[in-house]
Every structure is written in structure tokens, then in C-alpha cells.
């Protein structure tokens, strides 16, 4: 009687290796997909956060940590200044110490920048990766509200619509807002019109 020796053949080892390789590749692709999804969502969240932070600074203002002085945003502006246009916002305000200032926001080389009273001249970077910022201004002419991206009389602007678009790793997020400037007084007529 001839007994065969028990063991694995080369063919069996090759088949087992192919199965293990296929399972390993599947697991790798699964984890890579999860990692890429996480990265995509984080980039999108960062773009949203940057846009929202920019809108909040423009709308509500900020506090200077070194001096302790608070500067109002557009909501607390006393008026818009000359030079305000579709891609630049310039407004007059009074800070928490009672001093008057001119605040300017614009986009320069993909950054949202701000200067106060022209200092610094090239602005302080507030947010990076900004691709666009636009403004639409509402003025009252005595009869109706007029909308324009370049107001003829910035001092008569009573409300502003704005949009800020930021990009982080090819994830673009556009956020918009609208603000009625509190310091610009409007009157309500007997028929309910606001001017």
C-alpha cells in the first residue's frame, strides 16, 4: 500500500495567496475611501467656517485684544464712505472708546484684508483662501428702495447684501448675508413705507 504524504501543493498556496491579496486590496480601498471622504468633509467644513467667520467680522465687528477697544461691524456703522463698491466695503464707525474710524475690507491675492484708518496700508489678512467678495447696496431715494452694486451716495445706504466665497483644497463655499445698518435712521410713513 502506497500512502500519500499530506501537505499543501504549490497550486493551493497560489490560490490562497490570491484570495488573501484580493481581500487585502478590498480592505485597503475601503479604508482609503473613508479617509478621502473624511478629508473632503473637513475641507468643506473649513471653507464654511472661513466664510462664516468673514461674514461675522464684517457684520458684527471685532475687539482688538491688545488695546481692549471694540470696533463695530457694518451693523453699527454710522455711514458708508466714498470708494465703496461691488468688491470693496468702506464704512465709518465709532469704537467703544468713542473714537471715529474708517474701516475698509477688500480681497487681495486670495485673502480678505482689513485696514482701520488706512493702517496698515496693504491691510491685515483676516481670512485666507477667499476667491470672491461682493456687495449690493440698498438706498432710499424718498419714494422707493434702490439696489446697486456701486451706490451713488454711500452715506444714504441703509442696508447691504453681501456674499463671501472661500476655497480650501478645491472645496468652494459661498455664504451670504444681509444687514440693516442700525445707525442709519429710517422713517416710517403713514402708509407703512420705510425711508
C-alpha atoms as a PDB file:
ATOM      1  CA  UNK A   1       0.000   0.000   0.000  1.00  0.00           C
ATOM      2  CA  UNK A   2       1.224   3.325  -1.041  1.00  0.00           C
ATOM      3  CA  UNK A   3       0.294   6.186   1.294  1.00  0.00           C
ATOM      4  CA  UNK A   4       0.437   9.744   0.030  1.00  0.00           C
ATOM      5  CA  UNK A   5       2.112  12.333   2.201  1.00  0.00           C
ATOM      6  CA  UNK A   6      -0.203  15.076   3.459  1.00  0.00           C
ATOM      7  CA  UNK A   7       0.682  18.767   2.750  1.00  0.00           C
ATOM      8  CA  UNK A   8      -0.162  21.706   0.571  1.00  0.00           C
ATOM      9  CA  UNK A   9       0.671  21.905  -3.042  1.00  0.00           C
ATOM     10  CA  UNK A  10       2.031  24.942  -4.824  1.00  0.00           C
ATOM     11  CA  UNK A  11      -1.303  25.426  -6.598  1.00  0.00           C
ATOM     12  CA  UNK A  12      -3.160  25.545  -3.277  1.00  0.00           C
ATOM     13  CA  UNK A  13      -0.690  28.114  -1.924  1.00  0.00           C
ATOM     14  CA  UNK A  14      -1.124  30.298  -5.040  1.00  0.00           C
ATOM     15  CA  UNK A  15      -4.922  30.203  -4.739  1.00  0.00           C
ATOM     16  CA  UNK A  16      -4.780  31.074  -1.026  1.00  0.00           C
ATOM     17  CA  UNK A  17      -2.355  33.921  -1.815  1.00  0.00           C
ATOM     18  CA  UNK A  18      -4.669  35.335  -4.480  1.00  0.00           C
ATOM     19  CA  UNK A  19      -7.643  35.228  -2.108  1.00  0.00           C
ATOM     20  CA  UNK A  20      -5.633  36.993   0.621  1.00  0.00           C
ATOM     21  CA  UNK A  21      -4.378  39.585  -1.885  1.00  0.00           C
ATOM     22  CA  UNK A  22      -7.922  40.298  -3.115  1.00  0.00           C
ATOM     23  CA  UNK A  23      -9.224  40.662   0.442  1.00  0.00           C
ATOM     24  CA  UNK A  24      -6.275  42.905   1.363  1.00  0.00           C
ATOM     25  CA  UNK A  25      -6.817  45.141  -1.674  1.00  0.00           C
ATOM     26  CA  UNK A  26     -10.527  45.416  -0.844  1.00  0.00           C
ATOM     27  CA  UNK A  27      -9.768  46.427   2.749  1.00  0.00           C
ATOM     28  CA  UNK A  28      -7.192  48.975   1.549  1.00  0.00           C
ATOM     29  CA  UNK A  29      -9.699  50.559  -0.866  1.00  0.00           C
ATOM     30  CA  UNK A  30     -12.352  50.618   1.859  1.00  0.00           C
ATOM     31  CA  UNK A  31     -10.110  52.486   4.314  1.00  0.00           C
ATOM     32  CA  UNK A  32      -8.747  54.804   1.619  1.00  0.00           C
ATOM     33  CA  UNK A  33     -12.296  55.728   0.607  1.00  0.00           C
ATOM     34  CA  UNK A  34     -13.169  56.532   4.217  1.00  0.00           C
ATOM     35  CA  UNK A  35     -10.060  58.660   4.625  1.00  0.00           C
ATOM     36  CA  UNK A  36     -10.756  60.574   1.389  1.00  0.00           C
ATOM     37  CA  UNK A  37     -14.363  61.191   2.459  1.00  0.00           C
ATOM     38  CA  UNK A  38     -13.184  62.495   5.809  1.00  0.00           C
ATOM     39  CA  UNK A  39     -10.687  64.807   4.105  1.00  0.00           C
ATOM     40  CA  UNK A  40     -13.370  66.068   1.699  1.00  0.00           C
ATOM     41  CA  UNK A  41     -15.776  66.835   4.544  1.00  0.00           C
ATOM     42  CA  UNK A  42     -13.076  68.549   6.624  1.00  0.00           C
ATOM     43  CA  UNK A  43     -12.106  70.780   3.675  1.00  0.00           C
ATOM     44  CA  UNK A  44     -15.741  71.657   3.079  1.00  0.00           C
ATOM     45  CA  UNK A  45     -16.229  72.447   6.786  1.00  0.00           C
ATOM     46  CA  UNK A  46     -13.104  74.626   6.814  1.00  0.00           C
ATOM     47  CA  UNK A  47     -14.385  76.585   3.804  1.00  0.00           C
ATOM     48  CA  UNK A  48     -17.732  77.068   5.526  1.00  0.00           C
ATOM     49  CA  UNK A  49     -16.037  78.145   8.745  1.00  0.00           C
ATOM     50  CA  UNK A  50     -13.812  80.671   6.933  1.00  0.00           C
ATOM     51  CA  UNK A  51     -16.736  82.180   5.020  1.00  0.00           C
ATOM     52  CA  UNK A  52     -18.906  82.396   8.135  1.00  0.00           C
ATOM     53  CA  UNK A  53     -16.087  83.961  10.163  1.00  0.00           C
ATOM     54  CA  UNK A  54     -15.550  86.588   7.466  1.00  0.00           C
ATOM     55  CA  UNK A  55     -19.237  87.457   7.350  1.00  0.00           C
ATOM     56  CA  UNK A  56     -19.402  87.656  11.149  1.00  0.00           C
ATOM     57  CA  UNK A  57     -16.442  90.064  11.289  1.00  0.00           C
ATOM     58  CA  UNK A  58     -17.924  92.284   8.597  1.00  0.00           C
ATOM     59  CA  UNK A  59     -21.391  92.235  10.185  1.00  0.00           C
ATOM     60  CA  UNK A  60     -20.667  92.373  13.915  1.00  0.00           C
ATOM     61  CA  UNK A  61     -17.126  93.752  14.212  1.00  0.00           C
ATOM     62  CA  UNK A  62     -14.253  92.652  16.420  1.00  0.00           C
ATOM     63  CA  UNK A  63     -12.318  93.520  19.556  1.00  0.00           C
ATOM     64  CA  UNK A  64      -8.641  94.456  19.497  1.00  0.00           C
ATOM     65  CA  UNK A  65      -7.070  92.233  22.171  1.00  0.00           C
ATOM     66  CA  UNK A  66      -4.026  94.468  22.626  1.00  0.00           C
ATOM     67  CA  UNK A  67      -5.957  97.698  23.289  1.00  0.00           C
ATOM     68  CA  UNK A  68      -9.263  96.273  24.530  1.00  0.00           C
ATOM     69  CA  UNK A  69     -11.151  98.501  22.076  1.00  0.00           C
ATOM     70  CA  UNK A  70     -14.173  97.053  20.255  1.00  0.00           C
ATOM     71  CA  UNK A  71     -14.866  98.093  16.678  1.00  0.00           C
ATOM     72  CA  UNK A  72     -18.414  97.787  15.362  1.00  0.00           C
ATOM     73  CA  UNK A  73     -19.087  95.954  12.159  1.00  0.00           C
ATOM     74  CA  UNK A  74     -21.309  97.060   9.336  1.00  0.00           C
ATOM     75  CA  UNK A  75     -24.376  96.733  11.567  1.00  0.00           C
ATOM     76  CA  UNK A  76     -23.030  99.504  13.835  1.00  0.00           C
ATOM     77  CA  UNK A  77     -21.596 101.698  11.070  1.00  0.00           C
ATOM     78  CA  UNK A  78     -22.555 105.361  11.079  1.00  0.00           C
ATOM     79  CA  UNK A  79     -22.338 105.541   7.269  1.00  0.00           C
ATOM     80  CA  UNK A  80     -20.640 104.060   4.252  1.00  0.00           C
ATOM     81  CA  UNK A  81     -17.679 106.009   2.936  1.00  0.00           C
ATOM     82  CA  UNK A  82     -16.749 107.130  -0.536  1.00  0.00           C
ATOM     83  CA  UNK A  83     -14.989 104.413  -2.546  1.00  0.00           C
ATOM     84  CA  UNK A  84     -17.423 101.699  -1.502  1.00  0.00           C
ATOM     85  CA  UNK A  85     -18.170  99.458  -4.465  1.00  0.00           C
ATOM     86  CA  UNK A  86     -19.043  95.949  -5.616  1.00  0.00           C
ATOM     87  CA  UNK A  87     -15.841  94.353  -4.247  1.00  0.00           C
ATOM     88  CA  UNK A  88     -14.818  96.784  -1.520  1.00  0.00           C
ATOM     89  CA  UNK A  89     -16.535  97.923   1.648  1.00  0.00           C
ATOM     90  CA  UNK A  90     -15.562 101.146   3.399  1.00  0.00           C
ATOM     91  CA  UNK A  91     -17.565 102.382   6.376  1.00  0.00           C
ATOM     92  CA  UNK A  92     -17.337 104.944   9.155  1.00  0.00           C
ATOM     93  CA  UNK A  93     -17.811 103.871  12.755  1.00  0.00           C
ATOM     94  CA  UNK A  94     -17.246 104.867  16.355  1.00  0.00           C
ATOM     95  CA  UNK A  95     -15.339 102.397  18.553  1.00  0.00           C
ATOM     96  CA  UNK A  96     -16.032 101.534  22.196  1.00  0.00           C
ATOM     97  CA  UNK A  97     -13.737 104.339  23.376  1.00  0.00           C
ATOM     98  CA  UNK A  98     -15.684 106.961  21.389  1.00  0.00           C
ATOM     99  CA  UNK A  99     -13.094 107.478  18.635  1.00  0.00           C
ATOM    100  CA  UNK A 100     -14.192 107.694  14.988  1.00  0.00           C
ATOM    101  CA  UNK A 101     -12.651 105.365  12.391  1.00  0.00           C
ATOM    102  CA  UNK A 102     -12.810 104.400   8.741  1.00  0.00           C
ATOM    103  CA  UNK A 103     -12.803 100.616   8.249  1.00  0.00           C
ATOM    104  CA  UNK A 104     -12.049  99.085   4.864  1.00  0.00           C
ATOM    105  CA  UNK A 105     -12.474  95.446   3.705  1.00  0.00           C
ATOM    106  CA  UNK A 106     -11.354  94.042   0.350  1.00  0.00           C
ATOM    107  CA  UNK A 107      -9.945  90.877  -1.257  1.00  0.00           C
ATOM    108  CA  UNK A 108      -6.260  90.941  -2.179  1.00  0.00           C
ATOM    109  CA  UNK A 109      -4.409  87.928  -3.635  1.00  0.00           C
ATOM    110  CA  UNK A 110      -6.953  85.455  -2.295  1.00  0.00           C
ATOM    111  CA  UNK A 111      -7.113  86.983   1.190  1.00  0.00           C
ATOM    112  CA  UNK A 112      -9.819  89.000   2.902  1.00  0.00           C
ATOM    113  CA  UNK A 113      -7.967  92.005   4.318  1.00  0.00           C
ATOM    114  CA  UNK A 114      -8.963  94.872   6.594  1.00  0.00           C
ATOM    115  CA  UNK A 115      -7.450  98.226   7.456  1.00  0.00           C
ATOM    116  CA  UNK A 116      -8.555 100.764  10.039  1.00  0.00           C
ATOM    117  CA  UNK A 117      -7.896 104.418   9.212  1.00  0.00           C
ATOM    118  CA  UNK A 118      -5.619 103.246   6.383  1.00  0.00           C
ATOM    119  CA  UNK A 119      -3.322 101.290   8.735  1.00  0.00           C
ATOM    120  CA  UNK A 120      -1.744  99.108   7.561  1.00  0.00           C
ATOM    121  CA  UNK A 121      -1.954 100.433   4.004  1.00  0.00           C
ATOM    122  CA  UNK A 122      -1.952  96.956   2.451  1.00  0.00           C
ATOM    123  CA  UNK A 123      -4.367  95.620   5.088  1.00  0.00           C
ATOM    124  CA  UNK A 124      -4.257  92.920   7.721  1.00  0.00           C
ATOM    125  CA  UNK A 125      -5.124  89.442   6.494  1.00  0.00           C
ATOM    126  CA  UNK A 126      -8.346  88.329   8.170  1.00  0.00           C
ATOM    127  CA  UNK A 127      -9.117  85.165   6.202  1.00  0.00           C
ATOM    128  CA  UNK A 128      -7.099  83.274   3.608  1.00  0.00           C
ATOM    129  CA  UNK A 129      -8.383  81.395   0.546  1.00  0.00           C
ATOM    130  CA  UNK A 130     -11.097  83.896  -0.376  1.00  0.00           C
ATOM    131  CA  UNK A 131     -11.976  83.799  -4.060  1.00  0.00           C
ATOM    132  CA  UNK A 132     -14.720  86.417  -4.151  1.00  0.00           C
ATOM    133  CA  UNK A 133     -16.471  89.043  -2.081  1.00  0.00           C
ATOM    134  CA  UNK A 134     -19.349  91.088  -3.438  1.00  0.00           C
ATOM    135  CA  UNK A 135     -21.734  93.705  -2.077  1.00  0.00           C
ATOM    136  CA  UNK A 136     -25.134  95.016  -3.101  1.00  0.00           C
ATOM    137  CA  UNK A 137     -26.236  98.285  -1.502  1.00  0.00           C
ATOM    138  CA  UNK A 138     -29.808  99.462  -0.780  1.00  0.00           C
ATOM    139  CA  UNK A 139     -30.591 103.183  -0.673  1.00  0.00           C
ATOM    140  CA  UNK A 140     -33.853 105.047  -0.122  1.00  0.00           C
ATOM    141  CA  UNK A 141     -34.491 107.844  -2.635  1.00  0.00           C
ATOM    142  CA  UNK A 142     -37.587 109.206  -0.883  1.00  0.00           C
ATOM    143  CA  UNK A 143     -40.025 107.051  -2.855  1.00  0.00           C
ATOM    144  CA  UNK A 144     -38.576 103.559  -3.018  1.00  0.00           C
ATOM    145  CA  UNK A 145     -35.594 101.382  -2.193  1.00  0.00           C
ATOM    146  CA  UNK A 146     -32.955 101.192  -4.926  1.00  0.00           C
ATOM    147  CA  UNK A 147     -30.422  98.367  -5.210  1.00  0.00           C
ATOM    148  CA  UNK A 148     -26.971  98.913  -6.698  1.00  0.00           C
ATOM    149  CA  UNK A 149     -23.527  97.319  -6.565  1.00  0.00           C
ATOM    150  CA  UNK A 150     -21.971 100.789  -6.735  1.00  0.00           C
ATOM    151  CA  UNK A 151     -24.027 103.334  -4.771  1.00  0.00           C
ATOM    152  CA  UNK A 152     -24.060 106.948  -5.986  1.00  0.00           C
ATOM    153  CA  UNK A 153     -24.354 108.299  -2.448  1.00  0.00           C
ATOM    154  CA  UNK A 154     -22.771 105.837   0.017  1.00  0.00           C
ATOM    155  CA  UNK A 155     -23.923 107.905   3.003  1.00  0.00           C
ATOM    156  CA  UNK A 156     -27.570 107.134   2.096  1.00  0.00           C
ATOM    157  CA  UNK A 157     -27.161 103.356   2.127  1.00  0.00           C
ATOM    158  CA  UNK A 158     -29.431 101.776   4.737  1.00  0.00           C
ATOM    159  CA  UNK A 159     -28.855  98.070   4.094  1.00  0.00           C
ATOM    160  CA  UNK A 160     -26.262  95.862   2.457  1.00  0.00           C
ATOM    161  CA  UNK A 161     -26.439  92.362   0.965  1.00  0.00           C
ATOM    162  CA  UNK A 162     -23.090  90.622   0.720  1.00  0.00           C
ATOM    163  CA  UNK A 163     -21.523  87.340  -0.312  1.00  0.00           C
ATOM    164  CA  UNK A 164     -18.152  85.816   0.525  1.00  0.00           C
ATOM    165  CA  UNK A 165     -16.753  82.769  -1.258  1.00  0.00           C
ATOM    166  CA  UNK A 166     -13.835  80.800   0.181  1.00  0.00           C
ATOM    167  CA  UNK A 167     -11.934  77.810  -1.199  1.00  0.00           C
ATOM    168  CA  UNK A 168      -9.988  75.199   0.739  1.00  0.00           C
ATOM    169  CA  UNK A 169      -8.424  72.392  -1.317  1.00  0.00           C
ATOM    170  CA  UNK A 170     -10.872  72.883  -4.197  1.00  0.00           C
ATOM    171  CA  UNK A 171     -13.884  72.966  -1.862  1.00  0.00           C
ATOM    172  CA  UNK A 172     -15.719  76.204  -2.602  1.00  0.00           C
ATOM    173  CA  UNK A 173     -18.354  77.582  -0.234  1.00  0.00           C
ATOM    174  CA  UNK A 174     -20.329  80.790  -0.797  1.00  0.00           C
ATOM    175  CA  UNK A 175     -22.044  82.376   2.176  1.00  0.00           C
ATOM    176  CA  UNK A 176     -24.278  85.399   2.004  1.00  0.00           C
ATOM    177  CA  UNK A 177     -25.773  87.775   4.478  1.00  0.00           C
ATOM    178  CA  UNK A 178     -27.759  90.943   4.746  1.00  0.00           C
ATOM    179  CA  UNK A 179     -27.568  93.673   7.307  1.00  0.00           C
ATOM    180  CA  UNK A 180     -29.535  96.809   8.044  1.00  0.00           C
ATOM    181  CA  UNK A 181     -27.209  99.421   9.388  1.00  0.00           C
ATOM    182  CA  UNK A 182     -28.542 100.376  12.839  1.00  0.00           C
ATOM    183  CA  UNK A 183     -27.032 103.829  12.951  1.00  0.00           C
ATOM    184  CA  UNK A 184     -28.736 104.958   9.736  1.00  0.00           C
ATOM    185  CA  UNK A 185     -32.171 106.140  10.716  1.00  0.00           C
ATOM    186  CA  UNK A 186     -35.207 105.369   8.614  1.00  0.00           C
ATOM    187  CA  UNK A 187     -38.639 106.905   8.936  1.00  0.00           C
ATOM    188  CA  UNK A 188     -41.914 105.046   8.501  1.00  0.00           C
ATOM    189  CA  UNK A 189     -44.588 106.997   6.677  1.00  0.00           C
ATOM    190  CA  UNK A 190     -48.324 106.838   7.451  1.00  0.00           C
ATOM    191  CA  UNK A 191     -48.825 104.209   4.717  1.00  0.00           C
ATOM    192  CA  UNK A 192     -46.045 101.981   6.090  1.00  0.00           C
ATOM    193  CA  UNK A 193     -43.231 102.851   3.664  1.00  0.00           C
ATOM    194  CA  UNK A 194     -39.781 102.885   5.200  1.00  0.00           C
ATOM    195  CA  UNK A 195     -37.400 105.661   4.228  1.00  0.00           C
END
